[in-house]
């Protein structure tokens, strides 16, 4: 009467997530190489050792996962190609070099694929990081991933199919055996030292490492006695903060001077730049607190819907008086 029941995409299963702890995959390699701004070797090592929880997709990521089949279908129809969905593949002769590519593609009459296919659903705010269609100008994390796929599957090309702010774009990354060889060497060294071995990767500046460090529980109110190394770290950070404050003040001044110059106009266009100063698009905001107060909730109702939240650890550094 109502048709078939829609089954949403489930993404990676618990078995898939457990399997990912046994190898360096396409989504890991940029971080392992120290090229990703999102994560570094330290976070990947902690994941592989099971010391931090696996990433839980947010709503945007879940939407991207759900859209992947539709994007692949559009690619196949637009390019007139057959697409296979393979499983995990490990590089021959290794146990920790592996990948799970979104697809493999070949001509409609082909019996074997001639390229890899990687699918990305890109928020419009990230559009500037993607180049012209047909180029290989894509974010470094995805470039590394495409090279990883090609090297492990032994295929000459990876088509990166990106839905950028709702607009389909097709990018082509050629295999690079020399670069892939260096990536494999780095990944194997990483595994030997930081996953199988007892070395700890150094702290880096990525957001994932910040989150990992915040998971360290506060257990002792004692203050450590600083070493010479601690002194240097603190002095360097204080000096950097002073420099940033000076630069922020200079930036604010230049921005206000531009605003004054633009005045009632939309902006200024120069030979090598354009500066605009237009109103942002307005949005509707619901004041839920005022709505609740309008219904005069009782003290018991307020208590019922009140909960305590854990305070986060904050790094506070200041000069001693």
Protein backbone atom coordinates (compact mmCIF):
# COMPACT_ATOMS: atom_id res chain seq x y z
CA UNK A 1 0.00 0.00 0.00
CA UNK A 2 2.77 2.44 0.92
CA UNK A 3 5.61 0.94 -1.11
CA UNK A 4 8.86 -0.49 0.21
CA UNK A 5 10.34 0.70 3.48
CA UNK A 6 13.33 3.01 3.02
CA UNK A 7 16.51 1.68 4.61
CA UNK A 8 18.96 4.46 5.49
CA UNK A 9 22.69 4.06 4.92
CA UNK A 10 24.34 2.76 8.07
CA UNK A 11 27.89 3.81 7.23
CA UNK A 12 30.65 1.81 8.92
CA UNK A 13 29.61 -1.06 11.17
CA UNK A 14 31.21 -1.93 14.51
CA UNK A 15 33.19 -4.66 12.71
CA UNK A 16 34.39 -2.09 10.17
CA UNK A 17 35.52 0.24 12.95
CA UNK A 18 37.34 -2.61 14.70
CA UNK A 19 39.00 -3.56 11.42
CA UNK A 20 40.21 0.02 10.88
CA UNK A 21 42.38 -0.32 13.98
CA UNK A 22 44.47 -2.95 12.16
CA UNK A 23 45.80 -0.83 9.29
CA UNK A 24 46.72 2.62 7.98
CA UNK A 25 43.92 3.53 5.60
CA UNK A 26 43.22 6.23 3.07
CA UNK A 27 41.61 8.50 5.66
CA UNK A 28 44.66 8.11 7.94
CA UNK A 29 47.58 8.64 5.61
CA UNK A 30 47.57 12.46 5.42
CA UNK A 31 47.58 12.62 9.23
CA UNK A 32 50.34 10.01 9.45
CA UNK A 33 52.39 12.08 6.98
CA UNK A 34 51.85 15.20 9.12
CA UNK A 35 49.98 16.95 6.28
CA UNK A 36 46.46 17.16 7.71
CA UNK A 37 45.22 20.17 9.65
CA UNK A 38 42.58 18.03 11.34
CA UNK A 39 44.69 15.27 12.89
CA UNK A 40 48.30 14.18 13.24
CA UNK A 41 50.29 10.98 13.89
CA UNK A 42 49.59 11.15 17.63
CA UNK A 43 45.81 10.98 17.23
CA UNK A 44 45.99 8.18 14.66
CA UNK A 45 48.29 6.15 16.92
CA UNK A 46 45.92 6.55 19.86
CA UNK A 47 43.01 5.44 17.67
CA UNK A 48 44.84 2.35 16.43
CA UNK A 49 45.76 1.43 20.00
CA UNK A 50 42.15 1.87 21.13
CA UNK A 51 43.01 4.67 23.56
CA UNK A 52 40.54 7.21 22.14
CA UNK A 53 37.00 6.49 20.95
CA UNK A 54 36.32 6.26 17.21
CA UNK A 55 34.96 9.39 15.59
CA UNK A 56 31.16 9.62 15.71
CA UNK A 57 29.77 11.25 12.54
CA UNK A 58 27.98 14.54 13.14
CA UNK A 59 24.78 15.39 11.28
CA UNK A 60 26.64 16.86 8.30
CA UNK A 61 28.92 13.83 8.02
CA UNK A 62 25.95 11.45 8.33
CA UNK A 63 24.21 13.32 5.51
CA UNK A 64 27.34 12.99 3.38
CA UNK A 65 27.48 9.23 3.99
CA UNK A 66 23.80 8.90 3.07
CA UNK A 67 24.36 10.87 -0.15
CA UNK A 68 27.33 8.81 -1.37
CA UNK A 69 25.25 6.24 -3.32
CA UNK A 70 23.39 9.04 -5.11
CA UNK A 71 26.64 10.82 -6.00
CA UNK A 72 28.15 7.58 -7.32
CA UNK A 73 25.00 6.93 -9.35
CA UNK A 74 25.16 10.43 -10.87
CA UNK A 75 28.86 9.91 -11.71
CA UNK A 76 28.14 6.59 -13.42
CA UNK A 77 25.28 8.08 -15.46
CA UNK A 78 27.10 11.31 -16.37
CA UNK A 79 30.37 9.66 -17.35
CA UNK A 80 28.81 6.52 -18.81
CA UNK A 81 30.80 4.17 -16.62
CA UNK A 82 30.32 1.02 -14.59
CA UNK A 83 31.12 1.28 -10.88
CA UNK A 84 31.98 -1.57 -8.53
CA UNK A 85 31.86 -1.27 -4.72
CA UNK A 86 34.83 -3.27 -3.38
CA UNK A 87 35.65 -4.16 0.18
CA UNK A 88 38.85 -3.70 2.14
CA UNK A 89 42.08 -4.29 0.19
CA UNK A 90 45.50 -4.73 1.76
CA UNK A 91 48.68 -4.04 -0.16
CA UNK A 92 50.26 -7.32 -1.23
CA UNK A 93 53.10 -8.32 1.05
CA UNK A 94 51.97 -6.09 3.93
CA UNK A 95 49.49 -6.34 6.78
CA UNK A 96 49.07 -2.71 7.85
CA UNK A 97 48.80 -0.92 4.48
CA UNK A 98 45.19 -1.05 3.31
CA UNK A 99 42.32 0.97 1.91
CA UNK A 100 38.58 0.91 1.54
CA UNK A 101 37.85 2.91 -1.63
CA UNK A 102 34.35 4.17 -2.37
CA UNK A 103 34.33 2.61 -5.83
CA UNK A 104 36.22 1.18 -8.79
CA UNK A 105 35.21 2.24 -12.28
CA UNK A 106 35.52 0.97 -15.82
CA UNK A 107 33.88 1.34 -19.23
CA UNK A 108 30.35 0.00 -19.49
CA UNK A 109 31.54 -3.10 -21.36
CA UNK A 110 34.65 -3.60 -19.22
CA UNK A 111 35.16 -6.68 -17.06
CA UNK A 112 37.82 -5.03 -14.89
CA UNK A 113 38.11 -1.47 -13.54
CA UNK A 114 40.66 1.04 -14.81
CA UNK A 115 40.41 3.62 -12.03
CA UNK A 116 39.45 4.28 -8.43
CA UNK A 117 36.53 6.48 -7.41
CA UNK A 118 36.42 8.54 -4.22
CA UNK A 119 33.23 10.42 -3.28
CA UNK A 120 33.03 13.62 -1.21
CA UNK A 121 30.04 15.67 -0.12
CA UNK A 122 31.49 19.14 0.46
CA UNK A 123 29.85 21.96 2.40
CA UNK A 124 29.65 25.21 0.45
CA UNK A 125 31.89 26.92 3.03
CA UNK A 126 34.77 24.66 1.88
CA UNK A 127 34.31 25.36 -1.85
CA UNK A 128 37.35 27.63 -2.09
CA UNK A 129 39.64 24.69 -1.26
CA UNK A 130 38.63 22.95 -4.49
CA UNK A 131 40.02 23.89 -7.90
CA UNK A 132 38.56 23.85 -11.39
CA UNK A 133 36.72 20.74 -12.52
CA UNK A 134 39.06 18.26 -14.19
CA UNK A 135 42.08 19.43 -12.20
CA UNK A 136 43.78 17.69 -9.29
CA UNK A 137 43.49 20.73 -7.03
CA UNK A 138 41.73 19.25 -4.02
CA UNK A 139 42.38 19.40 -0.24
CA UNK A 140 45.62 17.65 0.73
CA UNK A 141 43.84 15.02 2.86
CA UNK A 142 41.86 13.86 -0.17
CA UNK A 143 44.85 14.08 -2.51
CA UNK A 144 46.79 11.74 -0.21
CA UNK A 145 43.76 9.45 -0.02
CA UNK A 146 43.46 9.27 -3.82
CA UNK A 147 47.17 8.45 -4.21
CA UNK A 148 46.80 5.78 -1.50
CA UNK A 149 43.89 4.16 -3.36
CA UNK A 150 45.77 4.12 -6.68
CA UNK A 151 48.91 2.65 -5.14
CA UNK A 152 47.15 -0.15 -3.26
CA UNK A 153 44.86 -1.09 -6.15
CA UNK A 154 47.60 -0.65 -8.76
CA UNK A 155 45.40 1.61 -10.91
CA UNK A 156 46.63 4.68 -12.83
CA UNK A 157 43.90 7.18 -11.93
CA UNK A 158 41.48 8.10 -9.15
CA UNK A 159 38.38 10.09 -10.03
CA UNK A 160 37.38 12.26 -7.06
CA UNK A 161 33.67 12.98 -7.35
CA UNK A 162 32.75 15.96 -5.19
CA UNK A 163 29.33 17.44 -4.58
CA UNK A 164 30.44 20.97 -3.63
CA UNK A 165 27.59 22.93 -2.10
CA UNK A 166 25.15 20.86 -4.15
CA UNK A 167 27.12 21.27 -7.39
CA UNK A 168 28.79 18.15 -8.86
CA UNK A 169 32.47 18.49 -9.76
CA UNK A 170 34.81 15.84 -11.12
CA UNK A 171 38.54 15.82 -10.38
CA UNK A 172 41.27 13.50 -11.63
CA UNK A 173 44.33 12.43 -9.61
CA UNK A 174 47.04 10.49 -11.44
CA UNK A 175 48.88 7.74 -9.62
CA UNK A 176 52.38 8.61 -8.41
CA UNK A 177 54.30 5.41 -7.61
CA UNK A 178 57.31 7.28 -6.22
CA UNK A 179 55.23 9.33 -3.79
CA UNK A 180 53.19 6.26 -2.88
CA UNK A 181 56.39 4.39 -2.04
CA UNK A 182 57.44 7.13 0.35
CA UNK A 183 53.98 7.11 1.92
CA UNK A 184 54.17 3.35 2.48
CA UNK A 185 57.62 3.69 4.09
CA UNK A 186 56.34 6.42 6.41
CA UNK A 187 53.21 4.42 7.32
CA UNK A 188 55.20 1.28 8.13
CA UNK A 189 57.67 3.24 10.23
CA UNK A 190 54.75 4.92 12.02
CA UNK A 191 53.17 1.55 12.79
CA UNK A 192 56.40 0.00 14.03
CA UNK A 193 57.25 2.92 16.31
CA UNK A 194 53.89 4.15 17.59
CA UNK A 195 51.42 1.27 17.34
CA UNK A 196 53.47 -1.92 17.79
CA UNK A 197 56.28 -0.08 19.56
CA UNK A 198 56.27 1.84 22.82
CA UNK A 199 57.12 5.31 21.48
CA UNK A 200 54.68 8.19 21.88
CA UNK A 201 54.26 10.48 18.85
CA UNK A 202 55.04 14.11 19.67
CA UNK A 203 52.23 16.54 20.41
CA UNK A 204 51.11 18.55 17.38
CA UNK A 205 48.88 21.56 16.76
CA UNK A 206 45.87 19.74 15.31
CA UNK A 207 42.36 19.97 16.75
CA UNK A 208 42.26 16.20 17.33
CA UNK A 209 45.32 16.33 19.58
CA UNK A 210 43.75 19.19 21.56
CA UNK A 211 40.63 17.07 22.06
CA UNK A 212 42.72 14.03 23.04
CA UNK A 213 44.62 16.03 25.66
CA UNK A 214 41.35 17.37 27.10
CA UNK A 215 40.38 13.77 27.89
CA UNK A 216 43.17 13.60 30.48
CA UNK A 217 41.28 13.64 33.78
CA UNK A 218 42.12 16.21 36.48
CA UNK A 219 43.09 14.21 39.55
CA UNK A 220 45.49 16.33 41.59
CA UNK A 221 45.37 19.96 42.74
CA UNK A 222 49.15 20.09 43.16
CA UNK A 223 51.30 22.40 41.01
CA UNK A 224 54.36 20.90 39.33
CA UNK A 225 57.78 22.46 39.80
CA UNK A 226 58.79 23.89 36.44
CA UNK A 227 61.84 22.63 34.59
CA UNK A 228 63.96 24.72 32.24
CA UNK A 229 62.01 23.20 29.34
CA UNK A 230 58.68 24.21 30.91
CA UNK A 231 60.02 27.75 31.45
CA UNK A 232 60.95 28.03 27.80
CA UNK A 233 57.55 26.77 26.63
CA UNK A 234 55.73 29.28 28.84
CA UNK A 235 57.93 32.22 27.87
CA UNK A 236 57.57 31.39 24.16
CA UNK A 237 53.79 31.20 24.49
CA UNK A 238 53.56 34.48 26.41
CA UNK A 239 55.72 36.23 23.80
CA UNK A 240 53.63 34.80 20.98
CA UNK A 241 50.40 35.94 22.63
CA UNK A 242 51.82 39.46 22.97
CA UNK A 243 52.72 39.46 19.27
CA UNK A 244 49.29 38.18 18.29
CA UNK A 245 47.62 40.89 20.38
CA UNK A 246 49.69 43.57 18.64
CA UNK A 247 48.89 42.08 15.23
CA UNK A 248 45.17 41.82 16.10
CA UNK A 249 45.11 45.52 17.04
CA UNK A 250 46.82 46.43 13.75
CA UNK A 251 44.34 44.25 11.85
CA UNK A 252 41.35 45.91 13.54
CA UNK A 253 42.70 49.35 12.62
CA UNK A 254 43.18 48.44 8.95
CA UNK A 255 39.70 46.90 8.79
CA UNK A 256 38.11 50.04 10.25
CA UNK A 257 40.03 52.23 7.80
CA UNK A 258 38.64 50.15 4.93
CA UNK A 259 35.12 50.37 6.37
CA UNK A 260 35.48 54.15 6.57
CA UNK A 261 36.67 54.28 2.95
CA UNK A 262 33.76 52.14 1.72
CA UNK A 263 31.18 54.18 3.60
CA UNK A 264 27.69 53.76 2.12
CA UNK A 265 28.95 51.75 -0.87
CA UNK A 266 29.13 47.96 -1.27
CA UNK A 267 32.90 47.78 -1.49
CA UNK A 268 36.13 48.69 -3.23
CA UNK A 269 37.71 46.92 -6.20
CA UNK A 270 41.43 47.21 -6.87
CA UNK A 271 43.64 45.72 -9.57
CA UNK A 272 44.52 42.69 -7.43
CA UNK A 273 41.76 42.56 -4.80
CA UNK A 274 38.15 43.30 -3.95
CA UNK A 275 36.89 44.34 -0.51
CA UNK A 276 33.16 44.24 0.25
CA UNK A 277 31.15 45.42 3.24
CA UNK A 278 27.56 44.27 2.84
CA UNK A 279 24.89 43.25 5.36
CA UNK A 280 24.87 39.55 6.19
CA UNK A 281 21.70 37.63 5.48
CA UNK A 282 19.35 37.83 8.45
CA UNK A 283 17.97 34.76 10.16
CA UNK A 284 15.11 33.91 12.49
CA UNK A 285 16.06 33.13 16.10
CA UNK A 286 13.71 31.47 18.59
CA UNK A 287 14.10 32.72 22.16
CA UNK A 288 13.28 29.45 23.91
CA UNK A 289 14.01 30.82 27.37
CA UNK A 290 11.42 33.58 26.94
CA UNK A 291 8.88 31.05 25.66
CA UNK A 292 9.45 28.85 28.71
CA UNK A 293 9.17 31.81 31.08
CA UNK A 294 5.91 32.89 29.42
CA UNK A 295 4.31 29.65 30.64
CA UNK A 296 5.45 30.29 34.26
CA UNK A 297 6.94 26.87 35.01
CA UNK A 298 6.96 25.74 38.62
CA UNK A 299 10.17 25.27 40.58
CA UNK A 300 9.71 21.49 40.34
CA UNK A 301 9.42 21.70 36.55
CA UNK A 302 12.56 23.82 36.32
CA UNK A 303 14.42 21.35 38.55
CA UNK A 304 13.23 18.41 36.44
CA UNK A 305 14.71 19.92 33.29
CA UNK A 306 17.94 21.16 34.88
CA UNK A 307 21.10 19.10 34.63
CA UNK A 308 24.72 19.59 35.61
CA UNK A 309 27.44 19.57 32.97
CA UNK A 310 31.08 18.78 33.50
CA UNK A 311 33.41 21.76 33.33
CA UNK A 312 36.14 21.63 30.69
CA UNK A 313 39.82 22.01 31.53
CA UNK A 314 41.20 25.37 30.38
CA UNK A 315 44.84 26.23 29.92
CA UNK A 316 45.40 29.57 31.67
CA UNK A 317 48.83 31.18 31.38
CA UNK A 318 49.64 34.53 32.95
CA UNK A 319 52.70 36.35 34.15
CA UNK A 320 53.43 36.20 37.86
CA UNK A 321 53.06 39.48 39.76
